[in-house]
Amino acid sequence: MKQSSIRIPLLLSLGLALLAGASTVPAADGLVFAKNGSGVYGYKDTPKQPWSQWLVHDPDRPAPKRVDPGQAAPPAPIPSDAIVLFDGKDLSKWESPTDWKIEDGCLVAGDGEFATKQHFGDIQLHLEWKGPAGFKGPWYNRGNNGVMLMGYYEIQIFDSYNEKIYPDGQCAAIYGQTPPLVNVTRPPGQWQSYDIVFIAPRFDGEKLLSPARVTVFHNGVLAQYNQVIYGETGHRIVAKYHHKVSTGPLALGGHGCPVRFRDIWVRPLKGLH
């Protein structure tokens, strides 16, 4: 993943610290648990978000309530004007080489970013995924992936059914920025879906005219509504617009977990800005 690739060595040290015992966590990398005893973990040594009262990855930030989204539905129908990015057979619309692969009609995540050849601006995006049941890897890789809009702005994919990661890093969060309105994550091994409307940022040269915005339905439930994206996402940083562009590839990010994807399509949008 762009920007968020720095998460791997940091999270590795955190995973080892947790295995060693909670008392060693603060000394290892600053990981601490929420004051309310909920078991949510995060950081208290990160910068404050200029747009909120919270630190980046703050464990004391209120966690979204859990809502049962109901049973997973069959793959969604594809609109006639959609660009099909993955149909269960063809990876020709994606950059290569890569260690991502097709298996039983699913796209199985490898390590590192997996990006489209085509660049997009404003879009409607649909994709479905599931994390592996009984994953034996470390906690920080459980269901870990992400939808990188324009390659820079991450909507998190994670096992937030089990893991109590910091609210701005849980499933359907704008990573490191805004938690979802609710937690509707299904258990690993069950199909989940995102329906995303993304409005790209606009620039006049180096000047930001309007920030990116996103609306996200997670498993059919509203998780983000016309939410400002404050800049490029990353681990333990305050978001900022470094790249003054209004189009980019759609990317998925591998993090050591064989998350499976199906039914990925996109509709470029016009006239919404």
C-alpha atoms as a PDB file:
ATOM      1  CA  MET A   1       0.000   0.000   0.000  1.00  0.00           C
ATOM      2  CA  LYS A   2       1.130   3.538  -0.612  1.00  0.00           C
ATOM      3  CA  GLN A   3       1.856   5.417   2.609  1.00  0.00           C
ATOM      4  CA  SER A   4       0.549   2.607   4.820  1.00  0.00           C
ATOM      5  CA  SER A   5       3.419   0.283   3.873  1.00  0.00           C
ATOM      6  CA  ILE A   6       5.299   1.645   6.888  1.00  0.00           C
ATOM      7  CA  ARG A   7       2.772  -0.137   9.086  1.00  0.00           C
ATOM      8  CA  ILE A   8       4.377  -3.554   8.668  1.00  0.00           C
ATOM      9  CA  PRO A   9       7.585  -3.252  10.781  1.00  0.00           C
ATOM     10  CA  LEU A  10       5.794  -1.192  13.400  1.00  0.00           C
ATOM     11  CA  LEU A  11       2.931  -3.639  13.733  1.00  0.00           C
ATOM     12  CA  LEU A  12       5.341  -6.569  13.809  1.00  0.00           C
ATOM     13  CA  SER A  13       6.959  -5.192  16.957  1.00  0.00           C
ATOM     14  CA  LEU A  14       3.535  -4.604  18.491  1.00  0.00           C
ATOM     15  CA  GLY A  15       2.448  -8.169  17.808  1.00  0.00           C
ATOM     16  CA  LEU A  16       5.568  -9.542  19.484  1.00  0.00           C
ATOM     17  CA  ALA A  17       5.006  -7.235  22.436  1.00  0.00           C
ATOM     18  CA  LEU A  18       1.443  -8.430  22.896  1.00  0.00           C
ATOM     19  CA  LEU A  19       2.565 -12.043  22.847  1.00  0.00           C
ATOM     20  CA  ALA A  20       5.085 -11.217  25.547  1.00  0.00           C
ATOM     21  CA  GLY A  21       2.402  -9.737  27.791  1.00  0.00           C
ATOM     22  CA  ALA A  22       0.431  -6.510  28.105  1.00  0.00           C
ATOM     23  CA  SER A  23       2.831  -5.017  30.660  1.00  0.00           C
ATOM     24  CA  THR A  24       5.576  -4.863  28.037  1.00  0.00           C
ATOM     25  CA  VAL A  25       3.494  -3.183  25.359  1.00  0.00           C
ATOM     26  CA  PRO A  26       4.067   0.513  26.224  1.00  0.00           C
ATOM     27  CA  ALA A  27       7.826   0.014  26.292  1.00  0.00           C
ATOM     28  CA  ALA A  28       7.799  -1.846  22.981  1.00  0.00           C
ATOM     29  CA  ASP A  29       6.228   0.739  20.703  1.00  0.00           C
ATOM     30  CA  GLY A  30       3.872   2.900  22.721  1.00  0.00           C
ATOM     31  CA  LEU A  31       0.829   0.644  22.337  1.00  0.00           C
ATOM     32  CA  VAL A  32      -1.649   1.182  25.172  1.00  0.00           C
ATOM     33  CA  PHE A  33      -5.173   0.157  26.010  1.00  0.00           C
ATOM     34  CA  ALA A  34      -8.252   2.351  26.382  1.00  0.00           C
ATOM     35  CA  LYS A  35      -8.838   3.813  29.824  1.00  0.00           C
ATOM     36  CA  ASN A  36     -12.401   2.467  29.985  1.00  0.00           C
ATOM     37  CA  GLY A  37     -11.269  -1.174  30.153  1.00  0.00           C
ATOM     38  CA  SER A  38     -12.861  -2.073  26.828  1.00  0.00           C
ATOM     39  CA  GLY A  39      -9.689  -3.757  25.555  1.00  0.00           C
ATOM     40  CA  VAL A  40      -9.367  -1.404  22.586  1.00  0.00           C
ATOM     41  CA  TYR A  41      -5.688  -0.759  21.886  1.00  0.00           C
ATOM     42  CA  GLY A  42      -3.903   2.103  20.174  1.00  0.00           C
ATOM     43  CA  TYR A  43      -1.449   4.931  20.788  1.00  0.00           C
ATOM     44  CA  LYS A  44      -1.170   7.980  23.033  1.00  0.00           C
ATOM     45  CA  ASP A  45       2.150   9.238  21.601  1.00  0.00           C
ATOM     46  CA  THR A  46       0.808  10.197  18.164  1.00  0.00           C
ATOM     47  CA  PRO A  47      -0.027  13.686  16.826  1.00  0.00           C
ATOM     48  CA  LYS A  48      -3.423  15.256  17.443  1.00  0.00           C
ATOM     49  CA  GLN A  49      -5.793  15.389  14.505  1.00  0.00           C
ATOM     50  CA  PRO A  50      -6.358  19.082  13.629  1.00  0.00           C
ATOM     51  CA  TRP A  51      -9.985  18.334  12.675  1.00  0.00           C
ATOM     52  CA  SER A  52     -10.954  16.475  15.877  1.00  0.00           C
ATOM     53  CA  GLN A  53     -10.183  16.275  19.593  1.00  0.00           C
ATOM     54  CA  TRP A  54      -8.447  12.912  19.196  1.00  0.00           C
ATOM     55  CA  LEU A  55      -4.923  11.686  18.638  1.00  0.00           C
ATOM     56  CA  VAL A  56      -4.185   9.598  15.555  1.00  0.00           C
ATOM     57  CA  HIS A  57      -5.029   5.955  16.446  1.00  0.00           C
ATOM     58  CA  ASP A  58      -6.346   7.027  19.865  1.00  0.00           C
ATOM     59  CA  PRO A  59      -7.701   4.008  21.818  1.00  0.00           C
ATOM     60  CA  ASP A  60      -9.880   6.327  23.936  1.00  0.00           C
ATOM     61  CA  ARG A  61     -11.818   7.542  20.920  1.00  0.00           C
ATOM     62  CA  PRO A  62     -15.375   6.153  21.166  1.00  0.00           C
ATOM     63  CA  ALA A  63     -15.638   2.890  19.264  1.00  0.00           C
ATOM     64  CA  PRO A  64     -18.587   2.569  16.868  1.00  0.00           C
ATOM     65  CA  LYS A  65     -21.430   0.414  18.138  1.00  0.00           C
ATOM     66  CA  ARG A  66     -21.715  -3.077  16.741  1.00  0.00           C
ATOM     67  CA  VAL A  67     -24.655  -3.736  14.419  1.00  0.00           C
ATOM     68  CA  ASP A  68     -25.572  -7.097  12.891  1.00  0.00           C
ATOM     69  CA  PRO A  69     -25.866  -6.561   9.114  1.00  0.00           C
ATOM     70  CA  GLY A  70     -27.637  -9.866   8.548  1.00  0.00           C
ATOM     71  CA  GLN A  71     -26.559 -12.727   6.340  1.00  0.00           C
ATOM     72  CA  ALA A  72     -24.345 -12.188   3.327  1.00  0.00           C
ATOM     73  CA  ALA A  73     -26.127 -11.915   0.006  1.00  0.00           C
ATOM     74  CA  PRO A  74     -25.133 -13.476  -3.334  1.00  0.00           C
ATOM     75  CA  PRO A  75     -22.817 -11.402  -5.539  1.00  0.00           C
ATOM     76  CA  ALA A  76     -24.376  -8.080  -6.480  1.00  0.00           C
ATOM     77  CA  PRO A  77     -25.644  -7.573 -10.043  1.00  0.00           C
ATOM     78  CA  ILE A  78     -23.386  -5.520 -12.299  1.00  0.00           C
ATOM     79  CA  PRO A  79     -24.771  -2.340 -13.936  1.00  0.00           C
ATOM     80  CA  SER A  80     -24.559  -2.254 -17.709  1.00  0.00           C
ATOM     81  CA  ASP A  81     -22.256   0.781 -17.726  1.00  0.00           C
ATOM     82  CA  ALA A  82     -19.824  -0.566 -15.106  1.00  0.00           C
ATOM     83  CA  ILE A  83     -16.173  -1.352 -15.787  1.00  0.00           C
ATOM     84  CA  VAL A  84     -15.639  -4.880 -14.481  1.00  0.00           C
ATOM     85  CA  LEU A  85     -12.255  -5.011 -12.791  1.00  0.00           C
ATOM     86  CA  PHE A  86     -12.485  -8.624 -11.646  1.00  0.00           C
ATOM     87  CA  ASP A  87     -14.946 -11.233 -12.915  1.00  0.00           C
ATOM     88  CA  GLY A  88     -13.419 -14.333 -11.343  1.00  0.00           C
ATOM     89  CA  LYS A  89     -11.208 -15.155 -14.335  1.00  0.00           C
ATOM     90  CA  ASP A  90      -9.342 -12.161 -15.723  1.00  0.00           C
ATOM     91  CA  LEU A  91      -6.610  -9.929 -14.243  1.00  0.00           C
ATOM     92  CA  SER A  92      -5.851  -8.017 -17.438  1.00  0.00           C
ATOM     93  CA  LYS A  93      -7.038  -4.717 -15.930  1.00  0.00           C
ATOM     94  CA  TRP A  94      -4.447  -4.905 -13.139  1.00  0.00           C
ATOM     95  CA  GLU A  95      -0.741  -4.133 -13.112  1.00  0.00           C
ATOM     96  CA  SER A  96       1.733  -7.009 -13.033  1.00  0.00           C
ATOM     97  CA  PRO A  97       3.956  -8.688 -11.982  1.00  0.00           C
ATOM     98  CA  THR A  98       2.383  -9.621  -8.681  1.00  0.00           C
ATOM     99  CA  ASP A  99       2.020 -12.584  -6.354  1.00  0.00           C
ATOM    100  CA  TRP A 100      -1.742 -12.071  -6.121  1.00  0.00           C
ATOM    101  CA  LYS A 101      -3.553 -14.980  -7.781  1.00  0.00           C
ATOM    102  CA  ILE A 102      -6.898 -16.368  -8.896  1.00  0.00           C
ATOM    103  CA  GLU A 103      -8.169 -19.382  -6.990  1.00  0.00           C
ATOM    104  CA  ASP A 104     -11.672 -20.903  -7.261  1.00  0.00           C
ATOM    105  CA  GLY A 105     -12.972 -17.773  -8.970  1.00  0.00           C
ATOM    106  CA  CYS A 106     -11.602 -15.446  -6.282  1.00  0.00           C
ATOM    107  CA  LEU A 107      -8.755 -12.963  -6.272  1.00  0.00           C
ATOM    108  CA  VAL A 108      -6.475 -13.992  -3.389  1.00  0.00           C
ATOM    109  CA  ALA A 109      -4.307 -11.294  -1.837  1.00  0.00           C
ATOM    110  CA  GLY A 110      -0.562 -11.606  -1.874  1.00  0.00           C
ATOM    111  CA  ASP A 111       1.848  -9.149  -0.296  1.00  0.00           C
ATOM    112  CA  GLY A 112       2.019  -5.528  -1.308  1.00  0.00           C
ATOM    113  CA  GLU A 113      -0.108  -3.268  -3.428  1.00  0.00           C
ATOM    114  CA  PHE A 114      -2.246  -4.544  -6.296  1.00  0.00           C
ATOM    115  CA  ALA A 115      -3.299  -1.659  -8.555  1.00  0.00           C
ATOM    116  CA  THR A 116      -5.387  -1.112 -11.664  1.00  0.00           C
ATOM    117  CA  LYS A 117      -3.855   0.008 -14.933  1.00  0.00           C
ATOM    118  CA  GLN A 118      -6.613   2.572 -15.448  1.00  0.00           C
ATOM    119  CA  HIS A 119      -6.763   5.756 -13.380  1.00  0.00           C
ATOM    120  CA  PHE A 120     -10.022   7.055 -11.937  1.00  0.00           C
ATOM    121  CA  GLY A 121     -11.369  10.204 -10.309  1.00  0.00           C
ATOM    122  CA  ASP A 122     -14.961  10.353  -9.063  1.00  0.00           C
ATOM    123  CA  ILE A 123     -16.354   6.812  -8.908  1.00  0.00           C
ATOM    124  CA  GLN A 124     -18.955   4.420  -7.633  1.00  0.00           C
ATOM    125  CA  LEU A 125     -17.147   1.254  -6.551  1.00  0.00           C
ATOM    126  CA  HIS A 126     -18.434  -2.157  -5.540  1.00  0.00           C
ATOM    127  CA  LEU A 127     -16.318  -5.010  -4.219  1.00  0.00           C
ATOM    128  CA  GLU A 128     -16.804  -8.064  -2.037  1.00  0.00           C
ATOM    129  CA  TRP A 129     -14.240  -9.793   0.152  1.00  0.00           C
ATOM    130  CA  LYS A 130     -13.797 -12.234   3.006  1.00  0.00           C
ATOM    131  CA  GLY A 131     -10.976 -12.858   5.436  1.00  0.00           C
ATOM    132  CA  PRO A 132      -9.903 -16.439   6.102  1.00  0.00           C
ATOM    133  CA  ALA A 133     -11.582 -18.335   8.937  1.00  0.00           C
ATOM    134  CA  GLY A 134      -9.151 -19.699  11.508  1.00  0.00           C
ATOM    135  CA  PHE A 135      -6.292 -17.442  10.454  1.00  0.00           C
ATOM    136  CA  LYS A 136      -3.154 -18.483  12.342  1.00  0.00           C
ATOM    137  CA  GLY A 137      -1.064 -15.392  11.746  1.00  0.00           C
ATOM    138  CA  PRO A 138      -0.446 -12.479  14.134  1.00  0.00           C
ATOM    139  CA  TRP A 139      -3.310 -10.233  15.224  1.00  0.00           C
ATOM    140  CA  TYR A 140      -2.223  -7.287  13.071  1.00  0.00           C
ATOM    141  CA  ASN A 141      -2.631  -9.334   9.867  1.00  0.00           C
ATOM    142  CA  ARG A 142      -6.097 -10.711  10.648  1.00  0.00           C
ATOM    143  CA  GLY A 143      -8.197  -9.834   7.638  1.00  0.00           C
ATOM    144  CA  ASN A 144      -5.840  -6.939   6.957  1.00  0.00           C
ATOM    145  CA  ASN A 145      -6.144  -5.326   3.550  1.00  0.00           C
ATOM    146  CA  GLY A 146      -7.490  -2.045   2.240  1.00  0.00           C
ATOM    147  CA  VAL A 147      -9.135  -0.212  -0.615  1.00  0.00           C
ATOM    148  CA  MET A 148      -6.771   2.538  -1.744  1.00  0.00           C
ATOM    149  CA  LEU A 149      -8.817   5.134  -3.624  1.00  0.00           C
ATOM    150  CA  MET A 150      -6.577   6.836  -6.208  1.00  0.00           C
ATOM    151  CA  GLY A 151      -3.811   4.801  -4.591  1.00  0.00           C
ATOM    152  CA  TYR A 152      -3.628   7.250  -1.653  1.00  0.00           C
ATOM    153  CA  TYR A 153      -6.819   7.206   0.436  1.00  0.00           C
ATOM    154  CA  GLU A 154      -7.460   3.973   2.309  1.00  0.00           C
ATOM    155  CA  ILE A 155     -10.787   2.492   3.362  1.00  0.00           C
ATOM    156  CA  GLN A 156      -9.640  -0.156   5.809  1.00  0.00           C
ATOM    157  CA  ILE A 157     -10.376  -3.867   5.500  1.00  0.00           C
ATOM    158  CA  PHE A 158      -9.758  -5.689   8.777  1.00  0.00           C
ATOM    159  CA  ASP A 159     -11.143  -8.346  11.129  1.00  0.00           C
ATOM    160  CA  SER A 160     -13.025  -5.942  13.369  1.00  0.00           C
ATOM    161  CA  TYR A 161     -15.398  -8.742  14.350  1.00  0.00           C
ATOM    162  CA  ASN A 162     -12.678 -10.051  16.684  1.00  0.00           C
ATOM    163  CA  GLU A 163      -9.903  -7.470  16.948  1.00  0.00           C
ATOM    164  CA  LYS A 164     -10.310  -4.318  19.057  1.00  0.00           C
ATOM    165  CA  ILE A 165      -7.954  -2.135  17.075  1.00  0.00           C
ATOM    166  CA  TYR A 166      -8.069   1.663  17.466  1.00  0.00           C
ATOM    167  CA  PRO A 167     -11.347   3.062  16.048  1.00  0.00           C
ATOM    168  CA  ASP A 168      -9.724   4.992  13.185  1.00  0.00           C
ATOM    169  CA  GLY A 169      -8.086   1.745  12.056  1.00  0.00           C
ATOM    170  CA  GLN A 170     -11.006  -0.642  12.199  1.00  0.00           C
ATOM    171  CA  CYS A 171     -12.912  -2.027   9.239  1.00  0.00           C
ATOM    172  CA  ALA A 172     -14.612   0.691   7.095  1.00  0.00           C
ATOM    173  CA  ALA A 173     -12.557   3.468   8.707  1.00  0.00           C
ATOM    174  CA  ILE A 174     -10.797   6.069   6.618  1.00  0.00           C
ATOM    175  CA  TYR A 175      -7.490   4.801   7.930  1.00  0.00           C
ATOM    176  CA  GLY A 176      -5.933   7.027  10.574  1.00  0.00           C
ATOM    177  CA  GLN A 177      -8.658   9.647  10.148  1.00  0.00           C
ATOM    178  CA  THR A 178     -12.319   8.777  10.694  1.00  0.00           C
ATOM    179  CA  PRO A 179     -13.906   5.685  12.275  1.00  0.00           C
ATOM    180  CA  PRO A 180     -17.011   4.191  10.663  1.00  0.00           C
ATOM    181  CA  LEU A 181     -20.428   5.196  11.952  1.00  0.00           C
ATOM    182  CA  VAL A 182     -21.075   1.578  12.992  1.00  0.00           C
ATOM    183  CA  ASN A 183     -19.179  -1.713  13.139  1.00  0.00           C
ATOM    184  CA  VAL A 184     -21.004  -4.157  10.854  1.00  0.00           C
ATOM    185  CA  THR A 185     -18.088  -6.522  10.266  1.00  0.00           C
ATOM    186  CA  ARG A 186     -19.079 -10.135   9.732  1.00  0.00           C
ATOM    187  CA  PRO A 187     -16.978 -13.016  11.115  1.00  0.00           C
ATOM    188  CA  PRO A 188     -13.968 -14.216   9.114  1.00  0.00           C
ATOM    189  CA  GLY A 189     -14.977 -16.706   6.456  1.00  0.00           C
ATOM    190  CA  GLN A 190     -18.155 -14.815   5.521  1.00  0.00           C
ATOM    191  CA  TRP A 191     -18.492 -12.572   2.479  1.00  0.00           C
ATOM    192  CA  GLN A 192     -18.642  -8.833   3.056  1.00  0.00           C
ATOM    193  CA  SER A 193     -19.195  -5.919   0.707  1.00  0.00           C
ATOM    194  CA  TYR A 194     -18.307  -2.291   0.169  1.00  0.00           C
ATOM    195  CA  ASP A 195     -20.309   0.131  -1.926  1.00  0.00           C
ATOM    196  CA  ILE A 196     -18.338   3.353  -2.145  1.00  0.00           C
ATOM    197  CA  VAL A 197     -19.027   6.740  -3.702  1.00  0.00           C
ATOM    198  CA  PHE A 198     -15.766   8.669  -3.912  1.00  0.00           C
ATOM    199  CA  ILE A 199     -15.363  12.302  -4.934  1.00  0.00           C
ATOM    200  CA  ALA A 200     -11.755  13.088  -5.825  1.00  0.00           C
ATOM    201  CA  PRO A 201      -9.956  16.174  -4.502  1.00  0.00           C
ATOM    202  CA  ARG A 202      -9.600  19.212  -6.754  1.00  0.00           C
ATOM    203  CA  PHE A 203      -6.525  21.405  -7.036  1.00  0.00           C
ATOM    204  CA  ASP A 204      -5.482  24.607  -8.750  1.00  0.00           C
ATOM    205  CA  GLY A 205      -1.781  23.983  -9.121  1.00  0.00           C
ATOM    206  CA  GLU A 206      -0.535  23.460  -5.568  1.00  0.00           C
ATOM    207  CA  LYS A 207      -3.694  24.908  -3.982  1.00  0.00           C
ATOM    208  CA  LEU A 208      -6.362  22.546  -2.644  1.00  0.00           C
ATOM    209  CA  LEU A 209      -9.739  23.742  -3.922  1.00  0.00           C
ATOM    210  CA  SER A 210     -11.824  20.986  -2.344  1.00  0.00           C
ATOM    211  CA  PRO A 211     -10.849  17.844  -0.391  1.00  0.00           C
ATOM    212  CA  ALA A 212     -11.816  14.328  -1.323  1.00  0.00           C
ATOM    213  CA  ARG A 213     -15.068  13.001   0.128  1.00  0.00           C
ATOM    214  CA  VAL A 214     -16.409   9.488   0.514  1.00  0.00           C
ATOM    215  CA  THR A 215     -19.643   7.690   1.308  1.00  0.00           C
ATOM    216  CA  VAL A 216     -19.316   4.008   2.258  1.00  0.00           C
ATOM    217  CA  PHE A 217     -21.927   1.288   2.700  1.00  0.00           C
ATOM    218  CA  HIS A 218     -20.410  -1.700   4.498  1.00  0.00           C
ATOM    219  CA  ASN A 219     -22.529  -4.837   4.156  1.00  0.00           C
ATOM    220  CA  GLY A 220     -25.391  -2.598   3.049  1.00  0.00           C
ATOM    221  CA  VAL A 221     -25.193  -0.369   6.132  1.00  0.00           C
ATOM    222  CA  LEU A 222     -24.072   3.273   6.004  1.00  0.00           C
ATOM    223  CA  ALA A 223     -20.558   3.495   7.482  1.00  0.00           C
ATOM    224  CA  GLN A 224     -19.274   6.843   6.119  1.00  0.00           C
ATOM    225  CA  TYR A 225     -21.489   9.676   4.841  1.00  0.00           C
ATOM    226  CA  ASN A 226     -20.028  12.360   2.582  1.00  0.00           C
ATOM    227  CA  GLN A 227     -17.008  12.313   4.878  1.00  0.00           C
ATOM    228  CA  VAL A 228     -14.066  14.592   4.186  1.00  0.00           C
ATOM    229  CA  ILE A 229     -10.782  12.797   3.551  1.00  0.00           C
ATOM    230  CA  TYR A 230      -8.132  15.055   5.069  1.00  0.00           C
ATOM    231  CA  GLY A 231      -5.221  13.818   2.985  1.00  0.00           C
ATOM    232  CA  GLU A 232      -3.228  10.737   2.138  1.00  0.00           C
ATOM    233  CA  THR A 233      -3.603   8.008   4.705  1.00  0.00           C
ATOM    234  CA  GLY A 234      -0.791   6.409   6.685  1.00  0.00           C
ATOM    235  CA  HIS A 235       0.243   4.925  10.009  1.00  0.00           C
ATOM    236  CA  ARG A 236       0.796   7.277  12.981  1.00  0.00           C
ATOM    237  CA  ILE A 237       0.782  10.413  10.828  1.00  0.00           C
ATOM    238  CA  VAL A 238      -1.482  13.401  10.332  1.00  0.00           C
ATOM    239  CA  ALA A 239      -3.009  13.224   6.876  1.00  0.00           C
ATOM    240  CA  LYS A 240      -1.877  15.735   4.269  1.00  0.00           C
ATOM    241  CA  TYR A 241      -2.301  16.200   0.526  1.00  0.00           C
ATOM    242  CA  HIS A 242       1.178  15.605  -0.812  1.00  0.00           C
ATOM    243  CA  HIS A 243       0.182  14.633  -4.358  1.00  0.00           C
ATOM    244  CA  LYS A 244      -1.836  17.381  -6.068  1.00  0.00           C
ATOM    245  CA  VAL A 245      -3.693  15.121  -8.486  1.00  0.00           C
ATOM    246  CA  SER A 246      -7.357  14.299  -9.073  1.00  0.00           C
ATOM    247  CA  THR A 247      -7.072  10.848 -10.634  1.00  0.00           C
ATOM    248  CA  GLY A 248      -5.187   7.703  -9.751  1.00  0.00           C
ATOM    249  CA  PRO A 249      -5.411   3.915  -9.770  1.00  0.00           C
ATOM    250  CA  LEU A 250      -7.653   1.859  -7.570  1.00  0.00           C
ATOM    251  CA  ALA A 251      -5.446  -0.356  -5.420  1.00  0.00           C
ATOM    252  CA  LEU A 252      -5.797  -3.147  -2.896  1.00  0.00           C
ATOM    253  CA  GLY A 253      -3.177  -3.777  -0.243  1.00  0.00           C
ATOM    254  CA  GLY A 254      -1.777  -7.104   0.900  1.00  0.00           C
ATOM    255  CA  HIS A 255      -0.647  -7.492   4.520  1.00  0.00           C
ATOM    256  CA  GLY A 256       0.274 -11.125   4.977  1.00  0.00           C
ATOM    257  CA  CYS A 257      -3.319 -12.381   5.027  1.00  0.00           C
ATOM    258  CA  PRO A 258      -4.960 -14.262   2.107  1.00  0.00           C
ATOM    259  CA  VAL A 259      -8.083 -12.103   1.933  1.00  0.00           C
ATOM    260  CA  ARG A 260     -10.278 -13.134  -1.001  1.00  0.00           C
ATOM    261  CA  PHE A 261     -12.088 -10.757  -3.353  1.00  0.00           C
ATOM    262  CA  ARG A 262     -14.867 -11.162  -5.904  1.00  0.00           C
ATOM    263  CA  ASP A 263     -17.252  -9.037  -7.966  1.00  0.00           C
ATOM    264  CA  ILE A 264     -15.166  -5.855  -8.293  1.00  0.00           C
ATOM    265  CA  TRP A 265     -16.594  -3.181 -10.577  1.00  0.00           C
ATOM    266  CA  VAL A 266     -16.464   0.577 -10.895  1.00  0.00           C
ATOM    267  CA  ARG A 267     -18.576   3.293 -12.509  1.00  0.00           C
ATOM    268  CA  PRO A 268     -16.781   6.563 -13.329  1.00  0.00           C
ATOM    269  CA  LEU A 269     -18.985   9.489 -12.325  1.00  0.00           C
ATOM    270  CA  LYS A 270     -19.372  12.925 -13.833  1.00  0.00           C
ATOM    271  CA  GLY A 271     -20.999  16.135 -12.662  1.00  0.00           C
ATOM    272  CA  LEU A 272     -21.015  15.375  -8.945  1.00  0.00           C
ATOM    273  CA  HIS A 273     -18.505  18.036  -7.888  1.00  0.00           C
END
